[in-house]
Amino acid sequence: MPAPYSIVALVGSLRKESFTLKIAKALAKLAPASLKIDVVTLEGLSFFNQDLEANPPAEWLAFREKLKASNGVLILTPEYNRSIPGVLKNAIDIASRPYGQSSFLGKPVGLISNSPGPLGGVAAAKHLQNIMPGISGPVMGQPEIYLNGVGDAFDGNGELIKDALKTVLQQYLDAFAAFVAKQNG
């Protein structure tokens, strides 16, 4: 069997106990043998400032290199005020620069939104669907995944205990694995 594809899972929340982080960790555990998921949080990324592009901060360079070395990217986001969190937009801005050299270029991208409420972060996902096509490789269009009711999906140790969510995540990962293989084939 060939080596697994290296996937970066970007966690769009800084909260230590965020549902987004818990979902990313669950994805890493559920990943098929063809994917190796590296969960990446966004702590420590300074604010994007185009004035710094001539001499970018070390954390920007390391973040960009991690993305460039991957075979694909999963972007996981909660919904804040009907959009994505500022920390995620900042990370996307850092990774997409300098102009024409986006670290996402050529990388198959999957988008996963979540919410403890009934809509599953659909507005945040739609914003990502607007942002990513101009700066990334192909964005997986189907299946779409908007995870609702995630508030009771994890136990006290952060382990996924909601079977319905586990099934949806597994189906999504299987589709994403096929998408990544096709794009990297």
N, C-alpha and C. Protein backbone atom coordinates (compact mmCIF):
# COMPACT_ATOMS: atom_id res chain seq x y z
N MET A 1 0.84 -1.18 0.00
CA MET A 1 0.00 0.00 0.00
C MET A 1 0.88 1.24 0.00
N PRO A 2 0.54 2.24 -0.84
CA PRO A 2 1.34 3.47 -0.86
C PRO A 2 1.21 4.23 0.47
N ALA A 3 2.16 5.11 0.70
CA ALA A 3 2.13 5.92 1.92
C ALA A 3 0.84 6.72 1.96
N PRO A 4 0.32 6.96 3.15
CA PRO A 4 -0.91 7.74 3.23
C PRO A 4 -0.69 9.19 2.80
N TYR A 5 -1.76 9.79 2.29
CA TYR A 5 -1.71 11.20 1.94
C TYR A 5 -1.69 12.02 3.23
N SER A 6 -0.85 13.03 3.23
CA SER A 6 -0.72 13.92 4.38
C SER A 6 -1.76 15.04 4.27
N ILE A 7 -2.64 15.11 5.26
CA ILE A 7 -3.72 16.10 5.27
C ILE A 7 -3.56 17.01 6.48
N VAL A 8 -3.66 18.31 6.25
CA VAL A 8 -3.66 19.28 7.33
C VAL A 8 -5.12 19.61 7.64
N ALA A 9 -5.50 19.46 8.89
CA ALA A 9 -6.83 19.84 9.35
C ALA A 9 -6.70 21.14 10.14
N LEU A 10 -7.12 22.24 9.52
CA LEU A 10 -7.04 23.56 10.16
C LEU A 10 -8.24 23.76 11.07
N VAL A 11 -7.98 24.04 12.33
CA VAL A 11 -9.02 24.24 13.33
C VAL A 11 -9.29 25.74 13.46
N GLY A 12 -10.47 26.17 13.06
CA GLY A 12 -10.81 27.58 13.03
C GLY A 12 -11.31 28.15 14.34
N SER A 13 -10.87 27.63 15.44
CA SER A 13 -11.26 28.14 16.76
C SER A 13 -10.07 28.06 17.69
N LEU A 14 -9.93 29.04 18.55
CA LEU A 14 -8.83 29.04 19.52
C LEU A 14 -9.23 28.46 20.87
N ARG A 15 -10.52 28.27 21.08
CA ARG A 15 -10.99 27.80 22.38
C ARG A 15 -10.44 26.41 22.67
N LYS A 16 -9.86 26.22 23.83
CA LYS A 16 -9.21 24.96 24.21
C LYS A 16 -10.16 23.77 24.12
N GLU A 17 -11.40 23.95 24.51
CA GLU A 17 -12.39 22.87 24.48
C GLU A 17 -13.39 23.03 23.34
N SER A 18 -12.97 23.63 22.24
CA SER A 18 -13.90 23.90 21.14
C SER A 18 -14.39 22.61 20.50
N PHE A 19 -15.63 22.65 20.05
CA PHE A 19 -16.19 21.51 19.32
C PHE A 19 -15.41 21.29 18.03
N THR A 20 -14.95 22.37 17.43
CA THR A 20 -14.19 22.27 16.18
C THR A 20 -12.91 21.46 16.39
N LEU A 21 -12.20 21.71 17.47
CA LEU A 21 -10.99 20.95 17.77
C LEU A 21 -11.34 19.49 18.05
N LYS A 22 -12.39 19.27 18.78
CA LYS A 22 -12.80 17.89 19.08
C LYS A 22 -13.17 17.14 17.80
N ILE A 23 -13.84 17.81 16.90
CA ILE A 23 -14.20 17.19 15.61
C ILE A 23 -12.94 16.87 14.82
N ALA A 24 -11.98 17.80 14.80
CA ALA A 24 -10.73 17.56 14.06
C ALA A 24 -10.00 16.34 14.63
N LYS A 25 -9.95 16.24 15.96
CA LYS A 25 -9.29 15.09 16.58
C LYS A 25 -10.04 13.79 16.28
N ALA A 26 -11.36 13.86 16.24
CA ALA A 26 -12.15 12.67 15.88
C ALA A 26 -11.87 12.27 14.44
N LEU A 27 -11.76 13.23 13.55
CA LEU A 27 -11.44 12.93 12.15
C LEU A 27 -10.10 12.22 12.03
N ALA A 28 -9.12 12.70 12.80
CA ALA A 28 -7.79 12.08 12.75
C ALA A 28 -7.87 10.61 13.17
N LYS A 29 -8.72 10.31 14.16
CA LYS A 29 -8.87 8.93 14.62
C LYS A 29 -9.68 8.07 13.64
N LEU A 30 -10.62 8.69 12.95
CA LEU A 30 -11.49 7.96 12.02
C LEU A 30 -10.91 7.83 10.61
N ALA A 31 -9.82 8.52 10.35
CA ALA A 31 -9.27 8.57 8.99
C ALA A 31 -8.97 7.18 8.45
N PRO A 32 -9.32 6.96 7.18
CA PRO A 32 -8.95 5.69 6.56
C PRO A 32 -7.43 5.59 6.44
N ALA A 33 -6.94 4.41 6.17
CA ALA A 33 -5.49 4.18 6.09
C ALA A 33 -4.82 5.04 5.02
N SER A 34 -5.58 5.52 4.05
CA SER A 34 -5.01 6.32 2.96
C SER A 34 -4.76 7.77 3.34
N LEU A 35 -5.23 8.18 4.53
CA LEU A 35 -5.04 9.56 4.98
C LEU A 35 -4.36 9.60 6.34
N LYS A 36 -3.43 10.53 6.49
CA LYS A 36 -2.84 10.83 7.79
C LYS A 36 -3.17 12.29 8.07
N ILE A 37 -4.01 12.51 9.08
CA ILE A 37 -4.49 13.86 9.37
C ILE A 37 -3.69 14.47 10.51
N ASP A 38 -3.13 15.65 10.22
CA ASP A 38 -2.38 16.43 11.19
C ASP A 38 -3.27 17.59 11.63
N VAL A 39 -3.71 17.59 12.87
CA VAL A 39 -4.58 18.64 13.39
C VAL A 39 -3.72 19.86 13.72
N VAL A 40 -4.05 20.99 13.10
CA VAL A 40 -3.27 22.21 13.26
C VAL A 40 -4.15 23.31 13.84
N THR A 41 -3.76 23.80 14.99
CA THR A 41 -4.46 24.93 15.59
C THR A 41 -3.75 26.22 15.16
N LEU A 42 -4.42 27.34 15.40
CA LEU A 42 -3.92 28.60 14.85
C LEU A 42 -3.34 29.54 15.90
N GLU A 43 -3.09 29.00 17.11
CA GLU A 43 -2.45 29.83 18.13
C GLU A 43 -1.07 30.26 17.64
N GLY A 44 -0.72 31.46 17.97
CA GLY A 44 0.62 31.93 17.65
C GLY A 44 0.77 32.59 16.30
N LEU A 45 -0.26 32.57 15.47
CA LEU A 45 -0.16 33.27 14.18
C LEU A 45 -0.48 34.73 14.41
N SER A 46 0.47 35.60 14.13
CA SER A 46 0.23 37.03 14.29
C SER A 46 -0.73 37.50 13.19
N PHE A 47 -1.24 38.71 13.36
CA PHE A 47 -2.16 39.26 12.37
C PHE A 47 -1.45 39.47 11.05
N PHE A 48 -2.17 39.17 9.97
CA PHE A 48 -1.63 39.42 8.65
C PHE A 48 -1.46 40.93 8.45
N ASN A 49 -0.32 41.30 7.90
CA ASN A 49 -0.03 42.69 7.57
C ASN A 49 0.85 42.64 6.33
N GLN A 50 0.34 43.17 5.23
CA GLN A 50 1.07 43.11 3.97
C GLN A 50 2.44 43.78 4.07
N ASP A 51 2.60 44.70 4.99
CA ASP A 51 3.90 45.35 5.17
C ASP A 51 4.98 44.35 5.58
N LEU A 52 4.59 43.22 6.12
CA LEU A 52 5.56 42.22 6.58
C LEU A 52 5.91 41.18 5.51
N GLU A 53 5.33 41.28 4.33
CA GLU A 53 5.57 40.26 3.31
C GLU A 53 7.02 40.17 2.86
N ALA A 54 7.73 41.27 2.84
CA ALA A 54 9.14 41.25 2.41
C ALA A 54 9.99 40.44 3.39
N ASN A 55 9.60 40.43 4.64
CA ASN A 55 10.32 39.70 5.68
C ASN A 55 9.30 39.08 6.63
N PRO A 56 8.61 38.02 6.19
CA PRO A 56 7.50 37.47 6.98
C PRO A 56 7.98 36.84 8.29
N PRO A 57 7.13 36.93 9.32
CA PRO A 57 7.46 36.30 10.60
C PRO A 57 7.68 34.79 10.44
N ALA A 58 8.49 34.24 11.31
CA ALA A 58 8.83 32.81 11.25
C ALA A 58 7.58 31.93 11.33
N GLU A 59 6.58 32.33 12.16
CA GLU A 59 5.39 31.48 12.28
C GLU A 59 4.58 31.46 10.99
N TRP A 60 4.63 32.55 10.22
CA TRP A 60 3.95 32.54 8.92
C TRP A 60 4.64 31.55 7.99
N LEU A 61 5.96 31.60 7.96
CA LEU A 61 6.72 30.71 7.06
C LEU A 61 6.49 29.25 7.43
N ALA A 62 6.52 28.94 8.71
CA ALA A 62 6.30 27.55 9.15
C ALA A 62 4.89 27.08 8.79
N PHE A 63 3.90 27.94 8.99
CA PHE A 63 2.52 27.61 8.66
C PHE A 63 2.38 27.36 7.15
N ARG A 64 2.94 28.24 6.35
CA ARG A 64 2.87 28.09 4.88
C ARG A 64 3.55 26.79 4.45
N GLU A 65 4.71 26.49 5.01
CA GLU A 65 5.44 25.27 4.65
C GLU A 65 4.66 24.01 5.01
N LYS A 66 4.00 24.02 6.17
CA LYS A 66 3.19 22.87 6.58
C LYS A 66 2.10 22.60 5.55
N LEU A 67 1.45 23.66 5.09
CA LEU A 67 0.40 23.51 4.08
C LEU A 67 0.99 23.03 2.76
N LYS A 68 2.09 23.65 2.34
CA LYS A 68 2.70 23.28 1.06
C LYS A 68 3.16 21.83 1.04
N ALA A 69 3.59 21.31 2.19
CA ALA A 69 4.08 19.92 2.27
C ALA A 69 2.94 18.90 2.30
N SER A 70 1.72 19.36 2.46
CA SER A 70 0.58 18.44 2.56
C SER A 70 0.06 18.05 1.18
N ASN A 71 -0.78 17.01 1.18
CA ASN A 71 -1.46 16.57 -0.04
C ASN A 71 -2.90 17.08 -0.10
N GLY A 72 -3.35 17.75 0.96
CA GLY A 72 -4.71 18.26 1.00
C GLY A 72 -4.97 18.94 2.33
N VAL A 73 -6.08 19.68 2.37
CA VAL A 73 -6.41 20.47 3.55
C VAL A 73 -7.89 20.31 3.88
N LEU A 74 -8.16 20.07 5.15
CA LEU A 74 -9.52 20.14 5.67
C LEU A 74 -9.61 21.41 6.50
N ILE A 75 -10.61 22.23 6.25
CA ILE A 75 -10.81 23.45 7.03
C ILE A 75 -12.06 23.24 7.86
N LEU A 76 -11.89 23.30 9.18
CA LEU A 76 -13.00 23.10 10.11
C LEU A 76 -13.31 24.43 10.78
N THR A 77 -14.59 24.79 10.79
CA THR A 77 -14.94 26.08 11.35
C THR A 77 -16.23 26.05 12.15
N PRO A 78 -16.22 26.77 13.27
CA PRO A 78 -17.49 27.08 13.91
C PRO A 78 -18.09 28.28 13.18
N GLU A 79 -19.27 28.67 13.56
CA GLU A 79 -19.88 29.86 12.99
C GLU A 79 -19.93 30.95 14.04
N TYR A 80 -19.33 32.09 13.71
CA TYR A 80 -19.35 33.26 14.58
C TYR A 80 -20.10 34.36 13.84
N ASN A 81 -21.21 34.80 14.36
CA ASN A 81 -21.95 35.91 13.76
C ASN A 81 -22.21 35.70 12.27
N ARG A 82 -22.65 34.50 11.94
CA ARG A 82 -23.01 34.11 10.56
C ARG A 82 -21.82 34.15 9.60
N SER A 83 -20.60 33.92 10.13
CA SER A 83 -19.41 33.89 9.29
C SER A 83 -18.36 33.02 9.97
N ILE A 84 -17.15 33.07 9.42
CA ILE A 84 -16.04 32.33 10.01
C ILE A 84 -15.35 33.19 11.07
N PRO A 85 -14.70 32.57 12.04
CA PRO A 85 -13.96 33.34 13.04
C PRO A 85 -12.81 34.13 12.40
N GLY A 86 -12.52 35.28 13.00
CA GLY A 86 -11.44 36.12 12.49
C GLY A 86 -10.10 35.40 12.46
N VAL A 87 -9.83 34.53 13.43
CA VAL A 87 -8.56 33.81 13.47
C VAL A 87 -8.41 32.90 12.24
N LEU A 88 -9.50 32.33 11.77
CA LEU A 88 -9.43 31.48 10.58
C LEU A 88 -9.21 32.32 9.33
N LYS A 89 -9.91 33.43 9.23
CA LYS A 89 -9.71 34.31 8.07
C LYS A 89 -8.28 34.82 8.04
N ASN A 90 -7.73 35.16 9.21
CA ASN A 90 -6.35 35.60 9.29
C ASN A 90 -5.39 34.52 8.78
N ALA A 91 -5.62 33.27 9.19
CA ALA A 91 -4.76 32.16 8.75
C ALA A 91 -4.86 31.96 7.25
N ILE A 92 -6.06 32.07 6.72
CA ILE A 92 -6.25 31.94 5.27
C ILE A 92 -5.51 33.05 4.55
N ASP A 93 -5.60 34.28 5.07
CA ASP A 93 -4.88 35.40 4.46
C ASP A 93 -3.38 35.17 4.49
N ILE A 94 -2.85 34.70 5.60
CA ILE A 94 -1.41 34.42 5.70
C ILE A 94 -1.00 33.35 4.70
N ALA A 95 -1.78 32.28 4.63
CA ALA A 95 -1.43 31.16 3.75
C ALA A 95 -1.57 31.50 2.27
N SER A 96 -2.45 32.43 1.95
CA SER A 96 -2.71 32.73 0.54
C SER A 96 -1.74 33.74 -0.06
N ARG A 97 -0.83 34.26 0.74
CA ARG A 97 0.10 35.28 0.29
C ARG A 97 1.51 34.72 0.18
N PRO A 98 2.45 35.34 -0.50
CA PRO A 98 2.24 36.50 -1.34
C PRO A 98 1.38 36.17 -2.56
N TYR A 99 0.85 37.19 -3.17
CA TYR A 99 -0.06 37.03 -4.30
C TYR A 99 0.54 36.07 -5.33
N GLY A 100 -0.27 35.13 -5.76
CA GLY A 100 0.15 34.15 -6.76
C GLY A 100 0.92 32.97 -6.21
N GLN A 101 1.19 32.97 -4.90
CA GLN A 101 1.97 31.90 -4.29
C GLN A 101 1.23 31.26 -3.11
N SER A 102 -0.07 31.18 -3.22
CA SER A 102 -0.88 30.62 -2.14
C SER A 102 -0.39 29.23 -1.74
N SER A 103 -0.28 29.00 -0.46
CA SER A 103 0.11 27.68 0.04
C SER A 103 -0.98 26.64 -0.18
N PHE A 104 -2.17 27.09 -0.53
CA PHE A 104 -3.28 26.18 -0.83
C PHE A 104 -3.30 25.73 -2.29
N LEU A 105 -2.52 26.36 -3.16
CA LEU A 105 -2.58 26.06 -4.59
C LEU A 105 -2.34 24.58 -4.85
N GLY A 106 -3.22 24.00 -5.64
CA GLY A 106 -3.10 22.60 -6.01
C GLY A 106 -3.55 21.62 -4.94
N LYS A 107 -3.90 22.12 -3.78
CA LYS A 107 -4.31 21.23 -2.67
C LYS A 107 -5.81 21.00 -2.71
N PRO A 108 -6.25 19.75 -2.75
CA PRO A 108 -7.69 19.51 -2.60
C PRO A 108 -8.12 19.96 -1.20
N VAL A 109 -9.27 20.62 -1.13
CA VAL A 109 -9.75 21.21 0.11
C VAL A 109 -11.13 20.67 0.45
N GLY A 110 -11.31 20.35 1.72
CA GLY A 110 -12.62 19.97 2.23
C GLY A 110 -13.03 20.98 3.29
N LEU A 111 -14.32 21.29 3.35
CA LEU A 111 -14.84 22.28 4.28
C LEU A 111 -15.84 21.63 5.23
N ILE A 112 -15.64 21.85 6.52
CA ILE A 112 -16.52 21.27 7.54
C ILE A 112 -16.90 22.37 8.52
N SER A 113 -18.20 22.63 8.63
CA SER A 113 -18.67 23.61 9.61
C SER A 113 -19.43 22.88 10.70
N ASN A 114 -19.57 23.55 11.85
CA ASN A 114 -20.27 22.92 12.96
C ASN A 114 -20.89 23.96 13.86
N SER A 115 -21.90 23.50 14.60
CA SER A 115 -22.57 24.35 15.56
C SER A 115 -23.34 23.48 16.54
N PRO A 116 -23.44 23.91 17.78
CA PRO A 116 -24.32 23.20 18.70
C PRO A 116 -25.79 23.44 18.34
N GLY A 117 -26.06 24.46 17.54
CA GLY A 117 -27.42 24.79 17.13
C GLY A 117 -27.89 23.96 15.94
N PRO A 118 -29.08 24.27 15.43
CA PRO A 118 -29.69 23.44 14.40
C PRO A 118 -29.16 23.64 12.98
N LEU A 119 -28.46 24.74 12.70
CA LEU A 119 -28.06 25.01 11.32
C LEU A 119 -26.68 24.49 10.95
N GLY A 120 -25.89 24.04 11.91
CA GLY A 120 -24.61 23.42 11.61
C GLY A 120 -23.56 24.34 11.03
N GLY A 121 -23.68 25.64 11.24
CA GLY A 121 -22.66 26.55 10.73
C GLY A 121 -22.70 26.75 9.23
N VAL A 122 -23.86 26.57 8.63
CA VAL A 122 -23.97 26.63 7.18
C VAL A 122 -23.52 27.99 6.63
N ALA A 123 -23.81 29.10 7.33
CA ALA A 123 -23.39 30.41 6.83
C ALA A 123 -21.86 30.52 6.79
N ALA A 124 -21.18 29.98 7.80
CA ALA A 124 -19.72 29.99 7.81
C ALA A 124 -19.18 29.17 6.64
N ALA A 125 -19.76 28.01 6.42
CA ALA A 125 -19.31 27.16 5.31
C ALA A 125 -19.50 27.86 3.97
N LYS A 126 -20.62 28.56 3.82
CA LYS A 126 -20.87 29.27 2.56
C LYS A 126 -19.84 30.37 2.35
N HIS A 127 -19.42 31.04 3.43
CA HIS A 127 -18.37 32.05 3.29
C HIS A 127 -17.07 31.41 2.84
N LEU A 128 -16.74 30.25 3.40
CA LEU A 128 -15.53 29.55 2.95
C LEU A 128 -15.66 29.14 1.48
N GLN A 129 -16.85 28.74 1.08
CA GLN A 129 -17.05 28.37 -0.33
C GLN A 129 -16.84 29.57 -1.25
N ASN A 130 -17.05 30.77 -0.74
CA ASN A 130 -16.78 31.97 -1.53
C ASN A 130 -15.31 32.35 -1.52
N ILE A 131 -14.63 32.12 -0.40
CA ILE A 131 -13.24 32.54 -0.24
C ILE A 131 -12.26 31.62 -0.95
N MET A 132 -12.42 30.32 -0.79
CA MET A 132 -11.36 29.38 -1.16
C MET A 132 -11.12 29.17 -2.66
N PRO A 133 -12.10 29.16 -3.53
CA PRO A 133 -11.80 28.82 -4.92
C PRO A 133 -10.73 29.66 -5.61
N GLY A 134 -10.61 30.91 -5.28
CA GLY A 134 -9.61 31.76 -5.93
C GLY A 134 -8.20 31.58 -5.41
N ILE A 135 -8.05 30.87 -4.29
CA ILE A 135 -6.72 30.77 -3.68
C ILE A 135 -6.29 29.33 -3.39
N SER A 136 -7.09 28.36 -3.81
CA SER A 136 -6.77 26.98 -3.46
C SER A 136 -6.85 26.09 -4.68
N GLY A 137 -6.63 24.82 -4.43
CA GLY A 137 -6.90 23.82 -5.43
C GLY A 137 -8.39 23.55 -5.42
N PRO A 138 -8.80 22.42 -5.96
CA PRO A 138 -10.23 22.13 -6.03
C PRO A 138 -10.85 21.96 -4.64
N VAL A 139 -12.04 22.52 -4.46
CA VAL A 139 -12.79 22.39 -3.22
C VAL A 139 -13.84 21.30 -3.44
N MET A 140 -13.85 20.31 -2.56
CA MET A 140 -14.81 19.22 -2.69
C MET A 140 -16.22 19.78 -2.52
N GLY A 141 -17.04 19.59 -3.54
CA GLY A 141 -18.39 20.13 -3.52
C GLY A 141 -19.42 19.18 -2.91
N GLN A 142 -19.20 17.91 -3.07
CA GLN A 142 -20.15 16.91 -2.55
C GLN A 142 -19.37 15.77 -1.93
N PRO A 143 -19.73 15.29 -0.81
CA PRO A 143 -20.86 15.76 -0.02
C PRO A 143 -20.49 17.01 0.76
N GLU A 144 -21.48 17.86 0.97
CA GLU A 144 -21.30 19.00 1.86
C GLU A 144 -21.56 18.49 3.27
N ILE A 145 -20.96 19.17 4.25
CA ILE A 145 -21.13 18.71 5.63
C ILE A 145 -21.26 19.92 6.56
N TYR A 146 -22.43 20.02 7.18
CA TYR A 146 -22.74 21.06 8.15
C TYR A 146 -23.19 20.33 9.41
N LEU A 147 -22.33 20.27 10.39
CA LEU A 147 -22.59 19.46 11.58
C LEU A 147 -23.38 20.25 12.61
N ASN A 148 -24.60 19.83 12.85
CA ASN A 148 -25.43 20.53 13.84
C ASN A 148 -25.54 19.68 15.10
N GLY A 149 -25.99 20.30 16.17
CA GLY A 149 -26.21 19.59 17.42
C GLY A 149 -24.97 18.92 17.99
N VAL A 150 -23.80 19.54 17.82
CA VAL A 150 -22.56 18.90 18.27
C VAL A 150 -22.31 19.06 19.77
N GLY A 151 -23.16 19.79 20.45
CA GLY A 151 -22.96 20.07 21.87
C GLY A 151 -22.92 18.85 22.76
N ASP A 152 -23.61 17.78 22.37
CA ASP A 152 -23.64 16.56 23.18
C ASP A 152 -22.93 15.39 22.50
N ALA A 153 -22.06 15.70 21.55
CA ALA A 153 -21.42 14.65 20.76
C ALA A 153 -20.16 14.07 21.39
N PHE A 154 -19.66 14.69 22.47
CA PHE A 154 -18.39 14.27 23.05
C PHE A 154 -18.52 14.04 24.54
N ASP A 155 -17.73 13.10 25.04
CA ASP A 155 -17.74 12.85 26.48
C ASP A 155 -16.78 13.83 27.18
N GLY A 156 -16.61 13.67 28.48
CA GLY A 156 -15.76 14.56 29.27
C GLY A 156 -14.30 14.54 28.87
N ASN A 157 -13.87 13.49 28.17
CA ASN A 157 -12.49 13.38 27.70
C ASN A 157 -12.32 13.85 26.26
N GLY A 158 -13.41 14.39 25.67
CA GLY A 158 -13.33 14.87 24.29
C GLY A 158 -13.49 13.78 23.25
N GLU A 159 -13.89 12.59 23.67
CA GLU A 159 -14.07 11.47 22.73
C GLU A 159 -15.46 11.53 22.10
N LEU A 160 -15.53 11.28 20.83
CA LEU A 160 -16.79 11.29 20.09
C LEU A 160 -17.66 10.12 20.56
N ILE A 161 -18.85 10.43 21.02
CA ILE A 161 -19.76 9.39 21.52
C ILE A 161 -21.09 9.35 20.78
N LYS A 162 -21.32 10.28 19.90
CA LYS A 162 -22.58 10.37 19.16
C LYS A 162 -22.44 9.56 17.86
N ASP A 163 -23.07 8.40 17.83
CA ASP A 163 -22.92 7.49 16.69
C ASP A 163 -23.35 8.11 15.37
N ALA A 164 -24.41 8.91 15.39
CA ALA A 164 -24.88 9.53 14.15
C ALA A 164 -23.80 10.46 13.58
N LEU A 165 -23.13 11.21 14.44
CA LEU A 165 -22.07 12.10 13.99
C LEU A 165 -20.87 11.30 13.49
N LYS A 166 -20.55 10.23 14.20
CA LYS A 166 -19.44 9.37 13.78
C LYS A 166 -19.69 8.83 12.37
N THR A 167 -20.91 8.41 12.10
CA THR A 167 -21.26 7.88 10.78
C THR A 167 -21.10 8.94 9.70
N VAL A 168 -21.59 10.15 9.97
CA VAL A 168 -21.48 11.24 9.00
C VAL A 168 -20.02 11.59 8.74
N LEU A 169 -19.22 11.67 9.80
CA LEU A 169 -17.81 11.98 9.63
C LEU A 169 -17.09 10.90 8.84
N GLN A 170 -17.42 9.65 9.10
CA GLN A 170 -16.78 8.54 8.36
C GLN A 170 -17.14 8.61 6.88
N GLN A 171 -18.39 8.86 6.58
CA GLN A 171 -18.80 8.98 5.18
C GLN A 171 -18.10 10.13 4.48
N TYR A 172 -17.98 11.25 5.20
CA TYR A 172 -17.30 12.41 4.63
C TYR A 172 -15.82 12.10 4.38
N LEU A 173 -15.17 11.48 5.36
CA LEU A 173 -13.76 11.13 5.21
C LEU A 173 -13.53 10.17 4.05
N ASP A 174 -14.40 9.22 3.89
CA ASP A 174 -14.26 8.28 2.77
C ASP A 174 -14.36 9.02 1.43
N ALA A 175 -15.31 9.95 1.33
CA ALA A 175 -15.44 10.74 0.11
C ALA A 175 -14.22 11.65 -0.08
N PHE A 176 -13.74 12.25 1.01
CA PHE A 176 -12.58 13.12 0.91
C PHE A 176 -11.33 12.33 0.51
N ALA A 177 -11.17 11.13 1.06
CA ALA A 177 -10.03 10.28 0.69
C ALA A 177 -10.04 10.00 -0.82
N ALA A 178 -11.19 9.69 -1.36
CA ALA A 178 -11.30 9.44 -2.81
C ALA A 178 -10.99 10.71 -3.59
N PHE A 179 -11.47 11.85 -3.12
CA PHE A 179 -11.23 13.15 -3.76
C PHE A 179 -9.73 13.46 -3.76
N VAL A 180 -9.07 13.26 -2.63
CA VAL A 180 -7.63 13.52 -2.52
C VAL A 180 -6.86 12.59 -3.45
N ALA A 181 -7.21 11.32 -3.47
CA ALA A 181 -6.52 10.37 -4.35
C ALA A 181 -6.66 10.77 -5.80
N LYS A 182 -7.85 11.19 -6.19
CA LYS A 182 -8.08 11.61 -7.57
C LYS A 182 -7.25 12.85 -7.91
N GLN A 183 -7.21 13.81 -6.99
CA GLN A 183 -6.47 15.06 -7.26
C GLN A 183 -4.96 14.86 -7.22
N ASN A 184 -4.50 13.87 -6.46
CA ASN A 184 -3.06 13.61 -6.35
C ASN A 184 -2.59 12.49 -7.27
N GLY A 185 -3.54 11.89 -7.99
CA GLY A 185 -3.23 10.73 -8.82
C GLY A 185 -2.63 11.10 -10.10
